[in-house]
């Protein structure tokens, strides 16, 4: 039911994903959310205010990953679990879109992140911290995989961790350029599988 602040945020998220921050108007958000202007402005007074809360409530959730919850006994199980979580998040985003808006589904979720980094300085700091945590988690798992004999490589754990993480980021950037993230997880899986096969013992 369209009767809550959560509905406003979800609708706004999908509009921002669809068009980008600049192109979405406040009137469009109000109309798509199903609220009257009076009811809407009870929650938010500006598009910037809506965007900031959307990023903190929803988009940060879609990016944040507690690496301590992933299996660390092997590198393969670690990265496969990572991919499974990403697939599940993509399904959640798809279901939000299906239940909230009509029309073409957004093809790229990364545009909104660029808007967030540009418009919200604290998001840039959070992203830097997230990347640091991500690299450290990969490095720890790789160190263990080398110690147990699961993999053999001349790369240091730090450099191999960067190869996994940065290859994923690079694929995401490529998807931005071609305006589609539909196959992102499949593309990342193919690259990670190949990289793993090249170092497993």
N, C-alpha and C. Protein backbone atom coordinates (compact mmCIF):
# COMPACT_ATOMS: atom_id res chain seq x y z
N UNK A 1 0.85 -1.20 0.00
CA UNK A 1 0.00 0.00 0.00
C UNK A 1 0.88 1.24 0.00
N UNK A 2 0.40 2.28 -0.70
CA UNK A 2 1.18 3.50 -0.81
C UNK A 2 0.84 4.43 0.35
N UNK A 3 1.29 4.10 1.54
CA UNK A 3 0.89 4.87 2.71
C UNK A 3 2.03 5.08 3.68
N UNK A 4 3.27 5.08 3.22
CA UNK A 4 4.37 5.20 4.16
C UNK A 4 5.56 5.91 3.56
N UNK A 5 6.43 6.37 4.45
CA UNK A 5 7.68 6.99 4.02
C UNK A 5 8.52 6.00 3.23
N UNK A 6 8.43 4.73 3.60
CA UNK A 6 9.18 3.69 2.89
C UNK A 6 8.78 3.65 1.42
N UNK A 7 7.48 3.81 1.14
CA UNK A 7 7.01 3.80 -0.24
C UNK A 7 7.60 4.98 -1.02
N UNK A 8 7.68 6.13 -0.38
CA UNK A 8 8.27 7.30 -1.03
C UNK A 8 9.72 7.03 -1.38
N UNK A 9 10.46 6.47 -0.43
CA UNK A 9 11.88 6.22 -0.65
C UNK A 9 12.11 5.17 -1.74
N UNK A 10 11.31 4.14 -1.72
CA UNK A 10 11.47 3.09 -2.73
C UNK A 10 11.16 3.62 -4.13
N UNK A 11 10.05 4.36 -4.23
CA UNK A 11 9.69 4.95 -5.52
C UNK A 11 10.76 5.91 -6.00
N UNK A 12 11.27 6.74 -5.09
CA UNK A 12 12.30 7.71 -5.44
C UNK A 12 13.57 7.03 -5.90
N UNK A 13 13.97 5.98 -5.20
CA UNK A 13 15.15 5.22 -5.59
C UNK A 13 15.05 4.76 -7.04
N UNK A 14 13.92 4.19 -7.38
CA UNK A 14 13.76 3.63 -8.71
C UNK A 14 13.70 4.73 -9.78
N UNK A 15 13.13 5.87 -9.45
CA UNK A 15 13.13 6.99 -10.38
C UNK A 15 14.54 7.51 -10.59
N UNK A 16 15.31 7.62 -9.52
CA UNK A 16 16.70 8.09 -9.63
C UNK A 16 17.52 7.09 -10.45
N UNK A 17 17.26 5.81 -10.26
CA UNK A 17 17.96 4.80 -11.05
C UNK A 17 17.59 4.89 -12.52
N UNK A 18 16.34 5.19 -12.77
CA UNK A 18 15.83 5.22 -14.13
C UNK A 18 16.33 6.43 -14.90
N UNK A 19 16.38 7.59 -14.23
CA UNK A 19 16.66 8.84 -14.93
C UNK A 19 17.90 9.59 -14.45
N UNK A 20 18.36 9.29 -13.24
CA UNK A 20 19.43 10.08 -12.66
C UNK A 20 18.86 11.22 -11.85
N UNK A 21 19.65 11.71 -10.90
CA UNK A 21 19.18 12.75 -9.98
C UNK A 21 18.70 14.00 -10.70
N UNK A 22 19.47 14.47 -11.64
CA UNK A 22 19.19 15.74 -12.31
C UNK A 22 17.86 15.74 -13.05
N UNK A 23 17.52 14.63 -13.69
CA UNK A 23 16.34 14.58 -14.54
C UNK A 23 15.03 14.34 -13.79
N UNK A 24 15.12 13.83 -12.57
CA UNK A 24 13.91 13.55 -11.80
C UNK A 24 13.42 14.84 -11.13
N UNK A 25 12.12 15.11 -11.25
CA UNK A 25 11.55 16.30 -10.63
C UNK A 25 10.81 15.93 -9.35
N UNK A 26 10.65 16.93 -8.49
CA UNK A 26 9.93 16.71 -7.25
C UNK A 26 8.47 16.32 -7.55
N UNK A 27 7.87 16.97 -8.53
CA UNK A 27 6.49 16.65 -8.89
C UNK A 27 6.35 15.20 -9.35
N UNK A 28 7.36 14.73 -10.07
CA UNK A 28 7.34 13.35 -10.55
C UNK A 28 7.42 12.36 -9.38
N UNK A 29 8.25 12.68 -8.41
CA UNK A 29 8.37 11.82 -7.23
C UNK A 29 7.04 11.78 -6.48
N UNK A 30 6.43 12.95 -6.29
CA UNK A 30 5.16 13.02 -5.58
C UNK A 30 4.09 12.21 -6.30
N UNK A 31 3.98 12.41 -7.61
CA UNK A 31 2.96 11.72 -8.40
C UNK A 31 3.18 10.21 -8.38
N UNK A 32 4.41 9.77 -8.58
CA UNK A 32 4.71 8.33 -8.65
C UNK A 32 4.53 7.64 -7.30
N UNK A 33 4.73 8.37 -6.22
CA UNK A 33 4.60 7.77 -4.89
C UNK A 33 3.15 7.54 -4.50
N UNK A 34 2.22 8.25 -5.17
CA UNK A 34 0.81 8.06 -4.86
C UNK A 34 0.31 8.90 -3.70
N UNK A 35 1.15 9.80 -3.20
CA UNK A 35 0.77 10.67 -2.10
C UNK A 35 0.22 11.99 -2.61
N UNK A 36 -0.57 12.66 -1.80
CA UNK A 36 -0.93 14.05 -2.07
C UNK A 36 0.29 14.90 -1.76
N UNK A 37 0.34 16.11 -2.31
CA UNK A 37 1.48 16.99 -2.03
C UNK A 37 1.62 17.27 -0.55
N UNK A 38 0.48 17.48 0.10
CA UNK A 38 0.51 17.77 1.53
C UNK A 38 1.11 16.63 2.34
N UNK A 39 0.67 15.41 2.02
CA UNK A 39 1.18 14.24 2.72
C UNK A 39 2.66 14.03 2.42
N UNK A 40 3.04 14.25 1.16
CA UNK A 40 4.43 14.05 0.77
C UNK A 40 5.34 15.04 1.50
N UNK A 41 4.97 16.30 1.50
CA UNK A 41 5.82 17.32 2.11
C UNK A 41 5.86 17.23 3.63
N UNK A 42 5.00 16.39 4.19
CA UNK A 42 5.11 16.09 5.62
C UNK A 42 6.41 15.34 5.90
N UNK A 43 6.87 14.55 4.90
CA UNK A 43 8.08 13.75 5.05
C UNK A 43 9.32 14.46 4.50
N UNK A 44 9.18 15.09 3.35
CA UNK A 44 10.35 15.68 2.68
C UNK A 44 10.01 17.05 2.10
N UNK A 45 11.00 17.95 2.16
CA UNK A 45 10.77 19.30 1.67
C UNK A 45 11.51 19.60 0.37
N UNK A 46 12.40 18.69 -0.06
CA UNK A 46 13.16 18.94 -1.29
C UNK A 46 13.61 17.62 -1.90
N UNK A 47 13.94 17.69 -3.19
CA UNK A 47 14.45 16.51 -3.90
C UNK A 47 15.79 16.09 -3.30
N UNK A 48 16.62 17.07 -2.93
CA UNK A 48 17.93 16.76 -2.34
C UNK A 48 17.78 15.98 -1.04
N UNK A 49 16.78 16.35 -0.25
CA UNK A 49 16.53 15.66 1.01
C UNK A 49 16.09 14.22 0.76
N UNK A 50 15.23 14.05 -0.24
CA UNK A 50 14.78 12.70 -0.61
C UNK A 50 15.97 11.86 -1.06
N UNK A 51 16.78 12.43 -1.93
CA UNK A 51 17.92 11.70 -2.48
C UNK A 51 18.88 11.25 -1.39
N UNK A 52 19.17 12.15 -0.46
CA UNK A 52 20.10 11.81 0.61
C UNK A 52 19.61 10.63 1.44
N UNK A 53 18.31 10.64 1.75
CA UNK A 53 17.79 9.53 2.56
C UNK A 53 17.69 8.24 1.75
N UNK A 54 17.36 8.35 0.47
CA UNK A 54 17.34 7.18 -0.41
C UNK A 54 18.69 6.49 -0.39
N UNK A 55 19.75 7.28 -0.55
CA UNK A 55 21.09 6.71 -0.58
C UNK A 55 21.42 6.02 0.73
N UNK A 56 21.10 6.66 1.84
CA UNK A 56 21.46 6.09 3.14
C UNK A 56 20.61 4.88 3.50
N UNK A 57 19.33 4.91 3.16
CA UNK A 57 18.43 3.83 3.57
C UNK A 57 18.50 2.63 2.64
N UNK A 58 18.51 2.88 1.33
CA UNK A 58 18.43 1.78 0.38
C UNK A 58 19.75 1.47 -0.32
N UNK A 59 20.32 2.47 -0.96
CA UNK A 59 21.46 2.16 -1.80
C UNK A 59 22.67 1.72 -0.98
N UNK A 60 22.85 2.31 0.19
CA UNK A 60 23.95 1.86 1.06
C UNK A 60 23.76 0.40 1.45
N UNK A 61 22.49 -0.01 1.65
CA UNK A 61 22.21 -1.40 1.98
C UNK A 61 22.59 -2.33 0.82
N UNK A 62 22.37 -1.86 -0.39
CA UNK A 62 22.65 -2.69 -1.55
C UNK A 62 24.14 -2.83 -1.82
N UNK A 63 24.93 -1.93 -1.29
CA UNK A 63 26.38 -1.99 -1.50
C UNK A 63 27.12 -2.62 -0.33
N UNK A 64 26.60 -2.39 0.87
CA UNK A 64 27.30 -2.85 2.06
C UNK A 64 27.27 -4.37 2.17
N UNK A 65 28.40 -4.94 2.51
CA UNK A 65 28.50 -6.39 2.68
C UNK A 65 29.38 -6.69 3.87
N UNK A 66 28.86 -7.47 4.80
CA UNK A 66 29.63 -7.88 5.97
C UNK A 66 30.45 -9.12 5.59
N UNK A 67 31.71 -8.88 5.28
CA UNK A 67 32.55 -9.97 4.79
C UNK A 67 32.82 -11.03 5.85
N UNK A 68 32.61 -10.67 7.10
CA UNK A 68 32.81 -11.65 8.18
C UNK A 68 31.77 -12.76 8.12
N UNK A 69 30.67 -12.51 7.42
CA UNK A 69 29.61 -13.52 7.32
C UNK A 69 29.85 -14.49 6.16
N UNK A 70 30.81 -14.20 5.30
CA UNK A 70 31.10 -15.08 4.17
C UNK A 70 32.02 -16.22 4.61
N UNK A 71 31.89 -17.40 4.01
CA UNK A 71 32.79 -18.51 4.36
C UNK A 71 34.22 -18.16 3.98
N UNK A 72 35.13 -18.37 4.91
CA UNK A 72 36.53 -17.99 4.67
C UNK A 72 37.45 -19.20 4.59
N UNK A 73 36.88 -20.41 4.61
CA UNK A 73 37.70 -21.61 4.59
C UNK A 73 38.38 -21.86 3.26
N UNK A 74 37.81 -21.30 2.19
CA UNK A 74 38.45 -21.42 0.88
C UNK A 74 38.15 -20.18 0.06
N UNK A 75 39.05 -19.87 -0.85
CA UNK A 75 38.86 -18.71 -1.72
C UNK A 75 37.65 -18.91 -2.62
N UNK A 76 37.48 -20.12 -3.13
CA UNK A 76 36.37 -20.37 -4.05
C UNK A 76 35.01 -20.19 -3.36
N UNK A 77 34.85 -20.73 -2.17
CA UNK A 77 33.58 -20.57 -1.46
C UNK A 77 33.34 -19.12 -1.09
N UNK A 78 34.41 -18.39 -0.81
CA UNK A 78 34.30 -16.97 -0.46
C UNK A 78 33.76 -16.17 -1.64
N UNK A 79 34.35 -16.33 -2.80
CA UNK A 79 33.90 -15.50 -3.92
C UNK A 79 32.56 -15.97 -4.48
N UNK A 80 32.28 -17.28 -4.38
CA UNK A 80 30.98 -17.75 -4.84
C UNK A 80 29.85 -17.22 -3.95
N UNK A 81 30.08 -17.17 -2.65
CA UNK A 81 29.08 -16.61 -1.73
C UNK A 81 28.88 -15.13 -1.99
N UNK A 82 29.97 -14.45 -2.29
CA UNK A 82 29.90 -13.03 -2.64
C UNK A 82 28.97 -12.83 -3.84
N UNK A 83 29.16 -13.65 -4.86
CA UNK A 83 28.34 -13.54 -6.07
C UNK A 83 26.88 -13.88 -5.80
N UNK A 84 26.64 -14.86 -4.95
CA UNK A 84 25.26 -15.23 -4.62
C UNK A 84 24.52 -14.07 -3.95
N UNK A 85 25.23 -13.36 -3.08
CA UNK A 85 24.62 -12.20 -2.41
C UNK A 85 24.30 -11.12 -3.43
N UNK A 86 25.21 -10.89 -4.36
CA UNK A 86 24.97 -9.88 -5.39
C UNK A 86 23.76 -10.26 -6.25
N UNK A 87 23.64 -11.52 -6.58
CA UNK A 87 22.49 -11.98 -7.37
C UNK A 87 21.19 -11.76 -6.60
N UNK A 88 21.20 -12.05 -5.32
CA UNK A 88 20.01 -11.88 -4.50
C UNK A 88 19.62 -10.41 -4.42
N UNK A 89 20.60 -9.53 -4.33
CA UNK A 89 20.31 -8.10 -4.28
C UNK A 89 19.74 -7.61 -5.61
N UNK A 90 20.23 -8.15 -6.69
CA UNK A 90 19.69 -7.79 -8.00
C UNK A 90 18.22 -8.21 -8.10
N UNK A 91 17.88 -9.38 -7.56
CA UNK A 91 16.50 -9.85 -7.57
C UNK A 91 15.61 -8.95 -6.72
N UNK A 92 16.13 -8.51 -5.59
CA UNK A 92 15.38 -7.61 -4.71
C UNK A 92 15.07 -6.30 -5.44
N UNK A 93 16.10 -5.75 -6.09
CA UNK A 93 15.92 -4.51 -6.83
C UNK A 93 14.89 -4.68 -7.94
N UNK A 94 14.96 -5.81 -8.62
CA UNK A 94 14.01 -6.10 -9.70
C UNK A 94 12.59 -6.18 -9.15
N UNK A 95 12.42 -6.83 -8.01
CA UNK A 95 11.08 -6.97 -7.43
C UNK A 95 10.54 -5.61 -6.97
N UNK A 96 11.41 -4.76 -6.43
CA UNK A 96 10.99 -3.41 -6.05
C UNK A 96 10.45 -2.67 -7.27
N UNK A 97 11.18 -2.79 -8.36
CA UNK A 97 10.77 -2.08 -9.56
C UNK A 97 9.43 -2.60 -10.08
N UNK A 98 9.28 -3.91 -10.11
CA UNK A 98 8.06 -4.51 -10.63
C UNK A 98 6.83 -4.10 -9.82
N UNK A 99 6.98 -3.95 -8.52
CA UNK A 99 5.83 -3.64 -7.67
C UNK A 99 5.58 -2.14 -7.52
N UNK A 100 6.49 -1.32 -8.02
CA UNK A 100 6.40 0.11 -7.74
C UNK A 100 6.16 0.97 -8.97
N UNK A 101 6.86 0.72 -10.08
CA UNK A 101 6.78 1.58 -11.25
C UNK A 101 6.48 0.79 -12.51
N UNK A 102 5.96 1.49 -13.50
CA UNK A 102 5.75 0.90 -14.80
C UNK A 102 6.78 1.47 -15.77
N UNK A 103 6.93 0.81 -16.91
CA UNK A 103 7.86 1.32 -17.91
C UNK A 103 9.13 0.50 -17.95
N UNK A 104 10.11 1.03 -18.64
CA UNK A 104 11.38 0.33 -18.79
C UNK A 104 12.12 0.26 -17.47
N UNK A 105 12.63 -0.92 -17.16
CA UNK A 105 13.39 -1.08 -15.92
C UNK A 105 14.79 -0.49 -16.10
N UNK A 106 15.32 0.15 -15.04
CA UNK A 106 16.66 0.72 -15.14
C UNK A 106 17.67 -0.34 -15.55
N UNK A 107 18.57 0.01 -16.45
CA UNK A 107 19.56 -0.93 -16.95
C UNK A 107 20.90 -0.79 -16.24
N UNK A 108 21.07 0.26 -15.48
CA UNK A 108 22.36 0.45 -14.83
C UNK A 108 22.20 1.10 -13.47
N UNK A 109 22.60 0.40 -12.42
CA UNK A 109 22.43 0.91 -11.07
C UNK A 109 23.60 1.79 -10.63
N UNK A 110 24.59 1.97 -11.49
CA UNK A 110 25.79 2.68 -11.06
C UNK A 110 25.72 4.19 -11.25
N UNK A 111 24.82 4.65 -12.10
CA UNK A 111 24.68 6.08 -12.29
C UNK A 111 24.35 6.78 -10.97
N UNK A 112 23.46 6.18 -10.19
CA UNK A 112 23.04 6.79 -8.94
C UNK A 112 24.21 6.89 -7.96
N UNK A 113 25.12 5.94 -8.02
CA UNK A 113 26.29 6.00 -7.14
C UNK A 113 27.18 7.18 -7.51
N UNK A 114 27.34 7.45 -8.80
CA UNK A 114 28.12 8.60 -9.24
C UNK A 114 27.48 9.89 -8.76
N UNK A 115 26.14 9.96 -8.85
CA UNK A 115 25.44 11.14 -8.34
C UNK A 115 25.66 11.29 -6.84
N UNK A 116 25.60 10.18 -6.13
CA UNK A 116 25.74 10.22 -4.67
C UNK A 116 27.13 10.70 -4.26
N UNK A 117 28.16 10.18 -4.91
CA UNK A 117 29.53 10.59 -4.59
C UNK A 117 29.73 12.07 -4.88
N UNK A 118 29.10 12.55 -5.95
CA UNK A 118 29.24 13.95 -6.34
C UNK A 118 28.47 14.89 -5.41
N UNK A 119 27.28 14.47 -4.98
CA UNK A 119 26.40 15.34 -4.22
C UNK A 119 26.51 15.19 -2.70
N UNK A 120 26.99 14.03 -2.25
CA UNK A 120 27.03 13.75 -0.81
C UNK A 120 28.45 13.37 -0.39
N UNK A 121 29.21 14.32 0.14
CA UNK A 121 30.61 14.06 0.49
C UNK A 121 30.81 12.88 1.43
N UNK A 122 29.88 12.65 2.35
CA UNK A 122 30.05 11.55 3.29
C UNK A 122 29.97 10.19 2.60
N UNK A 123 29.25 10.13 1.48
CA UNK A 123 29.15 8.88 0.72
C UNK A 123 30.51 8.51 0.14
N UNK A 124 31.25 9.49 -0.33
CA UNK A 124 32.58 9.23 -0.87
C UNK A 124 33.49 8.64 0.20
N UNK A 125 33.39 9.17 1.41
CA UNK A 125 34.19 8.65 2.53
C UNK A 125 33.77 7.23 2.85
N UNK A 126 32.47 6.99 2.88
CA UNK A 126 31.95 5.65 3.18
C UNK A 126 32.39 4.64 2.12
N UNK A 127 32.38 5.06 0.86
CA UNK A 127 32.79 4.17 -0.21
C UNK A 127 34.27 3.83 -0.10
N UNK A 128 35.09 4.80 0.27
CA UNK A 128 36.52 4.54 0.44
C UNK A 128 36.74 3.54 1.57
N UNK A 129 36.00 3.68 2.64
CA UNK A 129 36.10 2.74 3.77
C UNK A 129 35.62 1.36 3.36
N UNK A 130 34.53 1.32 2.57
CA UNK A 130 33.99 0.04 2.12
C UNK A 130 35.00 -0.71 1.26
N UNK A 131 35.66 0.02 0.36
CA UNK A 131 36.65 -0.60 -0.53
C UNK A 131 37.84 -1.12 0.28
N UNK A 132 38.26 -0.36 1.27
CA UNK A 132 39.38 -0.79 2.11
C UNK A 132 39.03 -2.07 2.86
N UNK A 133 37.82 -2.13 3.40
CA UNK A 133 37.36 -3.33 4.11
C UNK A 133 37.26 -4.53 3.16
N UNK A 134 36.79 -4.25 1.96
CA UNK A 134 36.65 -5.31 0.96
C UNK A 134 38.01 -5.90 0.60
N UNK A 135 38.97 -5.05 0.33
CA UNK A 135 40.31 -5.53 -0.02
C UNK A 135 40.94 -6.32 1.11
N UNK A 136 40.76 -5.85 2.33
CA UNK A 136 41.34 -6.55 3.49
C UNK A 136 40.71 -7.93 3.65
N UNK A 137 39.40 -8.03 3.45
CA UNK A 137 38.73 -9.33 3.57
C UNK A 137 39.25 -10.30 2.52
N UNK A 138 39.38 -9.84 1.28
CA UNK A 138 39.93 -10.69 0.22
C UNK A 138 41.36 -11.09 0.54
N UNK A 139 42.15 -10.15 1.01
CA UNK A 139 43.55 -10.44 1.32
C UNK A 139 43.67 -11.52 2.39
N UNK A 140 42.82 -11.46 3.40
CA UNK A 140 42.85 -12.45 4.49
C UNK A 140 42.49 -13.84 3.96
N UNK A 141 41.46 -13.91 3.12
CA UNK A 141 41.04 -15.20 2.58
C UNK A 141 42.12 -15.77 1.65
N UNK A 142 42.72 -14.92 0.85
CA UNK A 142 43.78 -15.36 -0.07
C UNK A 142 45.01 -15.84 0.71
N UNK A 143 45.35 -15.14 1.77
CA UNK A 143 46.47 -15.56 2.61
C UNK A 143 46.23 -16.96 3.16
N UNK A 144 45.01 -17.21 3.60
CA UNK A 144 44.65 -18.52 4.13
C UNK A 144 44.68 -19.58 3.02
N UNK A 145 44.17 -19.22 1.83
CA UNK A 145 44.16 -20.17 0.72
C UNK A 145 45.57 -20.55 0.29
N UNK A 146 46.49 -19.61 0.37
CA UNK A 146 47.89 -19.90 0.05
C UNK A 146 48.51 -20.80 1.12
N UNK A 147 48.16 -20.54 2.37
CA UNK A 147 48.72 -21.32 3.48
C UNK A 147 48.23 -22.76 3.48
N UNK A 148 46.98 -22.96 3.06
CA UNK A 148 46.42 -24.32 3.04
C UNK A 148 46.76 -25.08 1.77
N UNK A 149 47.34 -24.39 0.80
CA UNK A 149 47.69 -25.04 -0.46
C UNK A 149 46.56 -25.07 -1.48
N UNK A 150 45.48 -24.35 -1.20
CA UNK A 150 44.37 -24.31 -2.15
C UNK A 150 44.81 -23.64 -3.46
N UNK A 151 45.62 -22.60 -3.32
CA UNK A 151 46.08 -21.87 -4.51
C UNK A 151 47.60 -21.69 -4.43
N UNK A 152 48.19 -21.46 -5.59
CA UNK A 152 49.61 -21.17 -5.67
C UNK A 152 49.81 -20.03 -6.66
N UNK A 153 50.49 -18.98 -6.22
CA UNK A 153 50.67 -17.81 -7.06
C UNK A 153 51.92 -17.05 -6.66
N UNK A 154 52.48 -16.34 -7.62
CA UNK A 154 53.63 -15.48 -7.32
C UNK A 154 53.18 -14.10 -6.85
N UNK A 155 51.88 -13.83 -6.97
CA UNK A 155 51.36 -12.55 -6.50
C UNK A 155 51.29 -12.55 -4.97
N UNK A 156 51.45 -11.38 -4.40
CA UNK A 156 51.23 -11.23 -2.96
C UNK A 156 49.73 -11.28 -2.70
N UNK A 157 49.30 -11.63 -1.49
CA UNK A 157 47.86 -11.62 -1.18
C UNK A 157 47.22 -10.26 -1.48
N UNK A 158 47.94 -9.19 -1.20
CA UNK A 158 47.41 -7.85 -1.45
C UNK A 158 47.15 -7.62 -2.94
N UNK A 159 48.12 -7.99 -3.77
CA UNK A 159 47.97 -7.77 -5.21
C UNK A 159 46.92 -8.69 -5.84
N UNK A 160 46.84 -9.93 -5.35
CA UNK A 160 45.82 -10.83 -5.89
C UNK A 160 44.43 -10.37 -5.47
N UNK A 161 44.32 -9.87 -4.25
CA UNK A 161 43.04 -9.32 -3.79
C UNK A 161 42.60 -8.18 -4.71
N UNK A 162 43.53 -7.33 -5.09
CA UNK A 162 43.21 -6.22 -5.99
C UNK A 162 42.76 -6.73 -7.35
N UNK A 163 43.34 -7.83 -7.82
CA UNK A 163 42.93 -8.37 -9.11
C UNK A 163 41.47 -8.81 -9.09
N UNK A 164 41.05 -9.45 -8.01
CA UNK A 164 39.66 -9.86 -7.89
C UNK A 164 38.74 -8.65 -7.78
N UNK A 165 39.06 -7.76 -6.86
CA UNK A 165 38.18 -6.61 -6.60
C UNK A 165 38.15 -5.66 -7.79
N UNK A 166 39.31 -5.33 -8.32
CA UNK A 166 39.37 -4.34 -9.39
C UNK A 166 38.82 -4.88 -10.71
N UNK A 167 38.92 -6.20 -10.92
CA UNK A 167 38.32 -6.76 -12.13
C UNK A 167 36.80 -6.59 -12.07
N UNK A 168 36.23 -6.78 -10.89
CA UNK A 168 34.79 -6.58 -10.72
C UNK A 168 34.42 -5.12 -10.97
N UNK A 169 35.21 -4.22 -10.41
CA UNK A 169 34.95 -2.79 -10.61
C UNK A 169 35.09 -2.40 -12.08
N UNK A 170 36.09 -2.98 -12.74
CA UNK A 170 36.30 -2.67 -14.15
C UNK A 170 35.15 -3.14 -15.02
N UNK A 171 34.63 -4.32 -14.72
CA UNK A 171 33.48 -4.84 -15.47
C UNK A 171 32.28 -3.92 -15.24
N UNK A 172 32.10 -3.48 -14.00
CA UNK A 172 30.99 -2.57 -13.70
C UNK A 172 31.11 -1.28 -14.50
N UNK A 173 32.32 -0.74 -14.60
CA UNK A 173 32.54 0.48 -15.37
C UNK A 173 32.25 0.24 -16.86
N UNK A 174 32.64 -0.92 -17.35
CA UNK A 174 32.35 -1.26 -18.74
C UNK A 174 30.84 -1.30 -18.97
N UNK A 175 30.11 -1.86 -18.00
CA UNK A 175 28.66 -1.92 -18.11
C UNK A 175 28.05 -0.52 -18.14
N UNK A 176 28.65 0.40 -17.38
CA UNK A 176 28.19 1.78 -17.40
C UNK A 176 28.31 2.35 -18.81
N UNK A 177 29.43 2.07 -19.45
CA UNK A 177 29.69 2.62 -20.78
C UNK A 177 28.71 2.10 -21.82
N UNK A 178 28.26 0.86 -21.64
CA UNK A 178 27.33 0.30 -22.63
C UNK A 178 25.88 0.37 -22.13
N UNK A 179 25.70 1.06 -20.98
CA UNK A 179 24.36 1.33 -20.44
C UNK A 179 23.56 0.09 -20.11
N UNK A 180 24.21 -0.92 -19.59
CA UNK A 180 23.49 -2.12 -19.18
C UNK A 180 24.26 -2.86 -18.11
N UNK A 181 23.58 -3.20 -17.01
CA UNK A 181 24.22 -4.00 -15.97
C UNK A 181 23.52 -5.35 -15.81
N UNK A 182 22.70 -5.70 -16.82
CA UNK A 182 21.91 -6.93 -16.73
C UNK A 182 22.77 -8.17 -16.48
N UNK A 183 23.91 -8.24 -17.15
CA UNK A 183 24.75 -9.44 -17.08
C UNK A 183 25.97 -9.25 -16.17
N UNK A 184 25.92 -8.27 -15.30
CA UNK A 184 27.10 -7.94 -14.50
C UNK A 184 27.59 -9.12 -13.68
N UNK A 185 26.71 -9.75 -12.91
CA UNK A 185 27.14 -10.85 -12.05
C UNK A 185 27.69 -12.01 -12.86
N UNK A 186 27.06 -12.31 -13.99
CA UNK A 186 27.55 -13.40 -14.85
C UNK A 186 28.94 -13.08 -15.40
N UNK A 187 29.15 -11.82 -15.78
CA UNK A 187 30.46 -11.41 -16.31
C UNK A 187 31.53 -11.51 -15.23
N UNK A 188 31.20 -11.05 -14.03
CA UNK A 188 32.16 -11.11 -12.93
C UNK A 188 32.46 -12.56 -12.58
N UNK A 189 31.44 -13.39 -12.55
CA UNK A 189 31.65 -14.81 -12.24
C UNK A 189 32.61 -15.45 -13.25
N UNK A 190 32.44 -15.15 -14.51
CA UNK A 190 33.29 -15.74 -15.55
C UNK A 190 34.75 -15.33 -15.34
N UNK A 191 34.97 -14.06 -15.04
CA UNK A 191 36.33 -13.58 -14.83
C UNK A 191 36.93 -14.17 -13.56
N UNK A 192 36.15 -14.17 -12.48
CA UNK A 192 36.67 -14.72 -11.22
C UNK A 192 36.95 -16.21 -11.33
N UNK A 193 36.08 -16.94 -12.01
CA UNK A 193 36.31 -18.37 -12.21
C UNK A 193 37.61 -18.60 -12.99
N UNK A 194 37.82 -17.82 -14.02
CA UNK A 194 39.05 -17.96 -14.82
C UNK A 194 40.29 -17.64 -14.00
N UNK A 195 40.20 -16.57 -13.22
CA UNK A 195 41.33 -16.19 -12.37
C UNK A 195 41.61 -17.28 -11.33
N UNK A 196 40.57 -17.81 -10.77
CA UNK A 196 40.74 -18.86 -9.78
C UNK A 196 41.37 -20.12 -10.40
N UNK A 197 40.89 -20.50 -11.58
CA UNK A 197 41.43 -21.68 -12.25
C UNK A 197 42.91 -21.54 -12.54
N UNK A 198 43.35 -20.31 -12.77
CA UNK A 198 44.77 -20.09 -13.10
C UNK A 198 45.69 -20.20 -11.89
N UNK A 199 45.12 -20.18 -10.68
CA UNK A 199 45.98 -20.20 -9.49
C UNK A 199 45.71 -21.39 -8.57
N UNK A 200 44.64 -22.14 -8.82
CA UNK A 200 44.33 -23.25 -7.92
C UNK A 200 45.37 -24.37 -8.13
N UNK A 201 45.64 -25.11 -7.08
CA UNK A 201 46.62 -26.20 -7.18
C UNK A 201 45.93 -27.51 -7.49
